[in-house]
Amino acid sequence: MLDAGEGNDFEYAKTGWNVEDLSGWLIDESLKDKFMEDKENNKAYETFSDNYIFAKWYIKDDGELAIILKKYYKLQ
């Protein structure tokens, strides 16, 4: 579930795609209903914080587009 754009936007010349780093939740499909309920009640940041990720786009040395998924670790 997409939450926000995180900047680092650029156009990938090979395809003309506009890409940007993103953040959001990567959850198991079986948790969809619980997630949607918590999202509607503004609880998703708390109850699904372990599932929050950043998607970071970059161009590899060979010119190909790549993405890295990085887990968000909140400070305690």
Protein backbone atom coordinates (compact mmCIF):
# COMPACT_ATOMS: atom_id res chain seq x y z
CA MET A 1 0.00 0.00 0.00
CA LEU A 2 1.63 3.21 -1.16
CA ASP A 3 1.95 5.91 1.47
CA ALA A 4 4.14 8.69 0.07
CA GLY A 5 6.61 9.82 -2.56
CA GLU A 6 10.07 10.34 -1.09
CA GLY A 7 11.79 12.41 -3.78
CA ASN A 8 14.77 11.38 -5.92
CA ASP A 9 12.51 11.65 -8.96
CA PHE A 10 13.96 11.31 -12.44
CA GLU A 11 13.03 10.20 -15.94
CA TYR A 12 14.50 6.89 -17.01
CA ALA A 13 15.76 7.59 -20.52
CA LYS A 14 15.34 4.05 -21.89
CA THR A 15 11.58 3.93 -21.23
CA GLY A 16 10.56 7.52 -20.56
CA TRP A 17 9.22 6.43 -17.15
CA ASN A 18 9.16 8.99 -14.39
CA VAL A 19 10.23 7.24 -11.20
CA GLU A 20 10.51 8.37 -7.60
CA ASP A 21 11.49 6.74 -4.33
CA LEU A 22 8.36 5.62 -2.49
CA SER A 23 7.34 4.50 0.97
CA GLY A 24 4.48 2.36 2.17
CA TRP A 25 3.45 -0.97 3.60
CA LEU A 26 4.32 -4.36 2.17
CA ILE A 27 1.88 -6.74 3.80
CA ASP A 28 0.76 -10.29 3.32
CA GLU A 29 -2.50 -10.54 1.40
CA SER A 30 -4.08 -12.39 4.33
CA LEU A 31 -3.70 -9.21 6.44
CA LYS A 32 -5.44 -6.96 3.92
CA ASP A 33 -8.74 -6.57 5.77
CA LYS A 34 -7.03 -5.85 9.12
CA PHE A 35 -4.70 -3.38 7.44
CA MET A 36 -7.55 -1.54 5.70
CA GLU A 37 -9.49 -1.32 8.97
CA ASP A 38 -6.45 0.05 10.81
CA LYS A 39 -5.69 2.46 7.96
CA GLU A 40 -9.22 3.86 8.11
CA ASN A 41 -8.86 4.29 11.89
CA ASN A 42 -5.40 5.93 11.61
CA LYS A 43 -3.72 2.97 13.35
CA ALA A 44 -1.74 1.49 10.45
CA TYR A 45 1.45 3.38 11.30
CA GLU A 46 1.39 1.81 14.74
CA THR A 47 0.07 -1.70 14.11
CA PHE A 48 1.87 -2.30 10.80
CA SER A 49 5.14 -0.44 11.44
CA ASP A 50 7.12 -3.67 10.97
CA ASN A 51 5.78 -3.83 7.40
CA TYR A 52 6.76 -0.29 6.40
CA ILE A 53 9.34 -0.11 3.60
CA PHE A 54 11.10 2.34 1.32
CA ALA A 55 11.43 1.61 -2.41
CA LYS A 56 14.58 3.29 -3.71
CA TRP A 57 15.13 3.58 -7.47
CA TYR A 58 18.54 3.96 -9.08
CA ILE A 59 20.39 3.32 -12.32
CA LYS A 60 22.99 0.55 -12.17
CA ASP A 61 26.46 0.85 -13.68
CA ASP A 62 25.22 -1.01 -16.78
CA GLY A 63 22.47 1.61 -17.31
CA GLU A 64 19.59 -0.61 -16.19
CA LEU A 65 16.92 0.60 -13.80
CA ALA A 66 16.87 -1.10 -10.40
CA ILE A 67 14.99 -0.86 -7.15
CA ILE A 68 15.97 -1.70 -3.59
CA LEU A 69 13.38 -2.33 -0.88
CA LYS A 70 14.59 -1.16 2.53
CA LYS A 71 12.79 -1.87 5.75
CA TYR A 72 11.93 1.10 7.95
CA TYR A 73 13.31 0.84 11.47
CA LYS A 74 11.70 3.19 13.93
CA LEU A 75 13.70 4.52 16.82
CA GLN A 76 12.56 3.26 20.19
